[in-house]
Amino acid sequence: MTLEDLFSLKGRVALVTGGSRGIGRMIVEGFLAAGAERVYISARKINEIEETCAALGERVIGIQGDISTLEGIERLVEELSARESQLDILVNNAGAAWGSDYTDFPEAGWDKVMDLNVKTPFFLTQRLHTLLTAGASQEQPAKVINIASIDGLRINPWETYSYQASKAALIHLTRRMAARLVKDHVYVTAIAPGAFPSSMNKVARDAEDQAAAGIPNKRVGNKFDMGGSAVYLASRAGNYTIGETLTVDGGIVNALLPTHFADPSGADPAAH
């Protein structure tokens, strides 16, 4: 047994939604380091796609689009299907957050977040079923990794009602999808990140020391933490892990004392 036997992604084709920045880009970098043949990224902003593709090299291929709607999902699936005969790894990372006082929380803040964070992972995976199963086998299953949040495991101090509900829903949806898709040799898991620097977590990005103060191991996450976790689940090393949510948070959920509740590690309520 070698490290390559365990963690190599050589010859594998992946799609990472929201892969142009933040946690998505960290996962892309991890897949590239593990030898993935091609990694497709989707995002709404073409300039961010172009910047990421230029920075990470020719194995990264961008597809612009808005996958918060079924029409956008179908366009992405159509374009990917025109380029590839099979898809080995799907990372449902694209997401949104919304924060507002309970008495003022708007319907738009509910619908936008629930659609992108819960509906999109389900229907994108469903529409990609043919590509995901095309090369899948018991020896080399296809992988679906949903990016949830520790806010789906415990509440944070911010009034991000739809975000926290959506991530809890995604964790349970991961279990339900895993139970159905395992028979097709498609293994579904999730990652629940804590504080990672991103546009959705501006505290971790712009005030790292402040964010780190509320984390048991006293630092925010980085690309090695996220990329390594995603590679584990996507590779041979994770082939016996199905339906599980891997918490990657520096100890917030399982090692944080109740007196430290007001930590700044969750989704930024300003990230509409």
Protein backbone atom coordinates (compact mmCIF):
# COMPACT_ATOMS: atom_id res chain seq x y z
CA MET A 1 0.00 0.00 0.00
CA THR A 2 1.30 3.46 -0.93
CA LEU A 3 0.10 7.02 -0.46
CA GLU A 4 -0.77 7.04 -4.15
CA ASP A 5 -2.93 3.94 -3.71
CA LEU A 6 -4.82 5.73 -0.95
CA PHE A 7 -5.15 9.31 -2.13
CA SER A 8 -4.43 9.56 -5.86
CA LEU A 9 -7.07 11.09 -8.11
CA LYS A 10 -5.14 10.41 -11.31
CA GLY A 11 -7.42 10.02 -14.30
CA ARG A 12 -10.42 11.38 -12.42
CA VAL A 13 -12.69 14.17 -13.65
CA ALA A 14 -14.33 16.48 -11.11
CA LEU A 15 -16.82 19.32 -10.99
CA VAL A 16 -16.71 21.83 -8.14
CA THR A 17 -19.58 24.31 -8.06
CA GLY A 18 -18.60 27.71 -6.72
CA GLY A 19 -15.04 26.60 -7.41
CA SER A 20 -13.58 29.97 -8.35
CA ARG A 21 -13.00 31.22 -4.80
CA GLY A 22 -13.04 30.44 -1.10
CA ILE A 23 -13.64 26.87 0.03
CA GLY A 24 -14.41 25.75 -3.53
CA ARG A 25 -11.04 26.91 -4.79
CA MET A 26 -9.30 25.22 -1.85
CA ILE A 27 -10.95 21.95 -2.87
CA VAL A 28 -9.92 22.46 -6.50
CA GLU A 29 -6.31 22.95 -5.41
CA GLY A 30 -6.49 19.78 -3.35
CA PHE A 31 -7.82 17.77 -6.29
CA LEU A 32 -5.07 19.11 -8.54
CA ALA A 33 -2.41 18.20 -5.99
CA ALA A 34 -3.84 14.66 -5.89
CA GLY A 35 -3.46 14.39 -9.66
CA ALA A 36 -7.01 14.90 -10.96
CA GLU A 37 -7.02 14.89 -14.75
CA ARG A 38 -9.52 17.73 -15.12
CA VAL A 39 -11.42 19.86 -12.64
CA TYR A 40 -14.40 21.84 -13.90
CA ILE A 41 -15.51 24.86 -11.90
CA SER A 42 -18.80 26.71 -12.17
CA ALA A 43 -19.58 30.21 -10.95
CA ARG A 44 -21.72 33.19 -11.86
CA LYS A 45 -18.89 35.69 -12.41
CA ILE A 46 -16.78 35.12 -15.51
CA ASN A 47 -13.92 37.29 -14.28
CA GLU A 48 -13.48 35.11 -11.20
CA ILE A 49 -13.58 31.96 -13.31
CA GLU A 50 -10.96 33.33 -15.69
CA GLU A 51 -8.71 34.44 -12.84
CA THR A 52 -8.86 31.05 -11.15
CA CYS A 53 -8.28 29.10 -14.36
CA ALA A 54 -5.30 31.29 -15.21
CA ALA A 55 -3.83 30.87 -11.74
CA LEU A 56 -4.34 27.11 -11.41
CA GLY A 57 -3.53 25.96 -14.93
CA GLU A 58 -4.97 24.18 -17.91
CA ARG A 59 -6.43 21.27 -15.96
CA VAL A 60 -9.02 23.69 -14.53
CA ILE A 61 -11.90 24.44 -16.89
CA GLY A 62 -14.52 27.07 -16.16
CA ILE A 63 -18.23 27.05 -16.98
CA GLN A 64 -20.15 30.22 -16.24
CA GLY A 65 -23.73 30.00 -15.06
CA ASP A 66 -26.30 30.47 -12.33
CA ILE A 67 -27.25 27.09 -10.86
CA SER A 68 -29.79 28.48 -8.40
CA THR A 69 -32.50 27.61 -10.95
CA LEU A 70 -33.36 24.37 -12.72
CA GLU A 71 -32.72 26.09 -16.04
CA GLY A 72 -29.21 27.00 -14.94
CA ILE A 73 -28.60 23.48 -13.65
CA GLU A 74 -29.68 21.98 -16.95
CA ARG A 75 -27.42 24.34 -18.92
CA LEU A 76 -24.44 23.30 -16.79
CA VAL A 77 -25.26 19.61 -17.22
CA GLU A 78 -25.68 20.06 -20.98
CA GLU A 79 -22.31 21.78 -21.35
CA LEU A 80 -20.49 19.28 -19.17
CA SER A 81 -22.11 16.37 -21.02
CA ALA A 82 -20.87 17.81 -24.32
CA ARG A 83 -17.30 17.70 -22.98
CA GLU A 84 -17.20 14.53 -20.89
CA SER A 85 -18.57 10.99 -21.13
CA GLN A 86 -18.38 10.49 -17.37
CA LEU A 87 -17.97 12.45 -14.15
CA ASP A 88 -16.08 10.89 -11.26
CA ILE A 89 -16.43 13.54 -8.54
CA LEU A 90 -19.09 16.19 -7.91
CA VAL A 91 -18.64 18.77 -5.17
CA ASN A 92 -21.82 20.70 -4.38
CA ASN A 93 -20.15 23.76 -2.89
CA ALA A 94 -22.02 26.79 -4.26
CA GLY A 95 -24.03 28.44 -1.51
CA ALA A 96 -25.52 31.62 -0.10
CA ALA A 97 -26.25 33.17 3.28
CA TRP A 98 -28.65 35.82 4.54
CA GLY A 99 -28.91 37.55 7.89
CA SER A 100 -31.71 39.68 9.24
CA ASP A 101 -33.56 40.32 12.49
CA TYR A 102 -36.27 37.71 13.17
CA THR A 103 -39.12 40.22 12.90
CA ASP A 104 -37.81 41.57 9.58
CA PHE A 105 -36.47 38.41 7.92
CA PRO A 106 -37.71 38.54 4.30
CA GLU A 107 -39.09 35.79 2.10
CA ALA A 108 -36.37 36.56 -0.43
CA GLY A 109 -33.75 35.72 2.20
CA TRP A 110 -35.42 32.39 2.76
CA ASP A 111 -36.01 31.38 -0.86
CA LYS A 112 -32.59 32.38 -2.21
CA VAL A 113 -30.70 30.48 0.47
CA MET A 114 -32.86 27.35 0.55
CA ASP A 115 -32.89 27.11 -3.25
CA LEU A 116 -29.12 27.30 -3.70
CA ASN A 117 -28.09 25.44 -0.54
CA VAL A 118 -30.59 22.58 -0.61
CA LYS A 119 -32.50 22.35 -3.88
CA THR A 120 -29.50 22.87 -6.15
CA PRO A 121 -27.35 20.05 -4.69
CA PHE A 122 -30.24 17.62 -5.06
CA PHE A 123 -31.26 18.50 -8.61
CA LEU A 124 -27.72 18.97 -9.92
CA THR A 125 -26.77 15.52 -8.62
CA GLN A 126 -29.98 14.09 -10.06
CA ARG A 127 -29.38 15.63 -13.49
CA LEU A 128 -25.77 14.41 -13.47
CA HIS A 129 -26.77 10.84 -12.60
CA THR A 130 -25.98 9.50 -16.06
CA LEU A 131 -22.48 10.99 -16.05
CA LEU A 132 -21.82 9.95 -12.45
CA THR A 133 -22.80 6.34 -13.05
CA ALA A 134 -21.13 6.00 -16.45
CA GLY A 135 -17.79 4.91 -15.04
CA ALA A 136 -18.75 4.03 -11.48
CA SER A 137 -18.10 0.59 -10.02
CA GLN A 138 -17.65 -1.02 -6.63
CA GLU A 139 -13.88 -0.88 -7.15
CA GLN A 140 -13.94 2.78 -8.20
CA PRO A 141 -17.18 4.49 -7.17
CA ALA A 142 -18.16 7.99 -8.18
CA LYS A 143 -18.21 10.50 -5.34
CA VAL A 144 -20.58 13.32 -4.42
CA ILE A 145 -19.44 15.68 -1.67
CA ASN A 146 -21.93 18.22 -0.32
CA ILE A 147 -20.45 21.25 1.43
CA ALA A 148 -22.56 21.88 4.50
CA SER A 149 -21.48 23.89 7.57
CA ILE A 150 -21.01 23.52 11.29
CA ASP A 151 -24.06 25.81 11.45
CA GLY A 152 -26.05 22.76 10.42
CA LEU A 153 -24.77 20.97 13.51
CA ARG A 154 -25.23 23.71 16.11
CA ILE A 155 -26.62 27.24 16.07
CA ASN A 156 -24.40 30.29 15.82
CA PRO A 157 -25.10 33.66 17.47
CA TRP A 158 -26.19 35.36 14.23
CA GLU A 159 -29.75 35.55 12.92
CA THR A 160 -29.05 33.59 9.75
CA TYR A 161 -32.24 31.54 9.94
CA SER A 162 -32.44 30.17 6.42
CA TYR A 163 -28.70 29.50 6.23
CA GLN A 164 -28.60 27.44 9.40
CA ALA A 165 -31.77 25.55 8.45
CA SER A 166 -30.45 24.90 4.94
CA LYS A 167 -27.19 23.41 6.16
CA ALA A 168 -28.96 21.14 8.64
CA ALA A 169 -31.22 20.06 5.78
CA LEU A 170 -28.23 19.40 3.53
CA ILE A 171 -26.63 17.16 6.15
CA HIS A 172 -29.77 15.03 6.37
CA LEU A 173 -30.23 15.13 2.59
CA THR A 174 -26.69 13.74 2.30
CA ARG A 175 -27.76 10.71 4.33
CA ARG A 176 -30.91 10.18 2.28
CA MET A 177 -29.09 10.53 -1.06
CA ALA A 178 -26.32 8.22 0.14
CA ALA A 179 -28.86 5.52 1.00
CA ARG A 180 -30.29 5.63 -2.53
CA LEU A 181 -27.17 6.16 -4.62
CA VAL A 182 -24.89 3.60 -3.00
CA LYS A 183 -26.51 0.86 -5.09
CA ASP A 184 -25.42 2.76 -8.21
CA HIS A 185 -21.84 2.95 -6.89
CA VAL A 186 -22.18 6.68 -6.23
CA TYR A 187 -21.07 7.45 -2.68
CA VAL A 188 -22.45 10.63 -1.10
CA THR A 189 -20.79 12.39 1.83
CA ALA A 190 -20.56 15.93 3.19
CA ILE A 191 -18.07 18.30 4.78
CA ALA A 192 -19.14 20.71 7.53
CA PRO A 193 -16.53 23.51 7.51
CA GLY A 194 -15.95 25.88 10.37
CA ALA A 195 -14.12 29.18 9.93
CA PHE A 196 -12.40 29.39 6.56
CA PRO A 197 -11.50 32.70 4.88
CA SER A 198 -14.03 33.45 2.15
CA SER A 199 -16.50 36.05 0.93
CA MET A 200 -19.13 34.24 3.02
CA ASN A 201 -16.99 34.41 6.16
CA LYS A 202 -15.44 37.85 6.12
CA VAL A 203 -14.43 37.59 9.77
CA ALA A 204 -12.14 34.65 9.05
CA ARG A 205 -10.88 36.39 5.92
CA ASP A 206 -10.39 39.94 7.19
CA ALA A 207 -10.01 39.52 10.96
CA GLU A 208 -8.23 36.20 11.36
CA ASP A 209 -7.10 36.82 14.94
CA GLN A 210 -10.64 37.68 15.99
CA ALA A 211 -12.00 34.52 14.40
CA ALA A 212 -9.21 32.36 15.81
CA ALA A 213 -9.96 33.50 19.36
CA GLY A 214 -13.22 31.54 19.30
CA ILE A 215 -11.70 28.33 17.92
CA PRO A 216 -10.21 25.68 20.23
CA ASN A 217 -7.04 25.18 18.18
CA LYS A 218 -6.68 28.96 17.80
CA ARG A 219 -6.52 29.35 14.03
CA VAL A 220 -8.85 29.54 11.05
CA GLY A 221 -8.86 26.80 8.44
CA ASN A 222 -6.65 26.85 5.36
CA LYS A 223 -6.41 25.19 1.96
CA PHE A 224 -4.54 22.20 3.34
CA ASP A 225 -7.30 21.48 5.85
CA MET A 226 -10.08 21.75 3.28
CA GLY A 227 -8.22 20.33 0.30
CA GLY A 228 -6.98 17.36 2.31
CA SER A 229 -10.43 16.57 3.68
CA ALA A 230 -11.99 16.68 0.21
CA VAL A 231 -9.24 14.50 -1.26
CA TYR A 232 -9.78 11.91 1.48
CA LEU A 233 -13.49 11.63 0.69
CA ALA A 234 -12.95 11.71 -3.09
CA SER A 235 -10.14 9.15 -3.15
CA ARG A 236 -9.75 5.42 -2.48
CA ALA A 237 -9.06 6.28 1.15
CA GLY A 238 -12.68 7.34 1.59
CA ASN A 239 -14.36 4.45 -0.22
CA TYR A 240 -15.88 3.00 2.95
CA THR A 241 -17.25 6.33 4.18
CA ILE A 242 -20.83 6.77 2.97
CA GLY A 243 -23.51 9.21 4.13
CA GLU A 244 -21.20 10.73 6.74
CA THR A 245 -20.57 14.43 7.38
CA LEU A 246 -16.94 15.22 8.12
CA THR A 247 -16.61 18.15 10.52
CA VAL A 248 -13.57 20.31 9.68
CA ASP A 249 -13.64 23.15 12.19
CA GLY A 250 -10.66 23.18 14.55
CA GLY A 251 -12.79 21.81 17.36
CA ILE A 252 -15.71 24.26 17.49
CA VAL A 253 -18.50 21.70 17.49
CA ASN A 254 -16.94 19.00 19.61
CA ALA A 255 -14.34 20.79 21.75
CA LEU A 256 -15.81 24.25 22.34
CA LEU A 257 -16.97 25.10 25.84
CA PRO A 258 -20.51 26.54 26.11
CA THR A 259 -19.09 29.77 27.56
CA HIS A 260 -17.47 30.39 24.16
CA PHE A 261 -20.77 30.32 22.32
CA ALA A 262 -20.44 33.73 20.71
CA ASP A 263 -17.76 32.64 18.28
CA PRO A 264 -17.38 34.39 14.90
CA SER A 265 -16.98 31.24 12.86
CA GLY A 266 -20.20 30.84 10.94
CA ALA A 267 -21.65 32.35 7.77
CA ASP A 268 -21.45 36.11 7.58
CA PRO A 269 -25.03 37.46 7.71
CA ALA A 270 -24.02 40.22 5.32
CA ALA A 271 -23.17 37.70 2.59
CA HIS A 272 -26.50 37.94 0.73
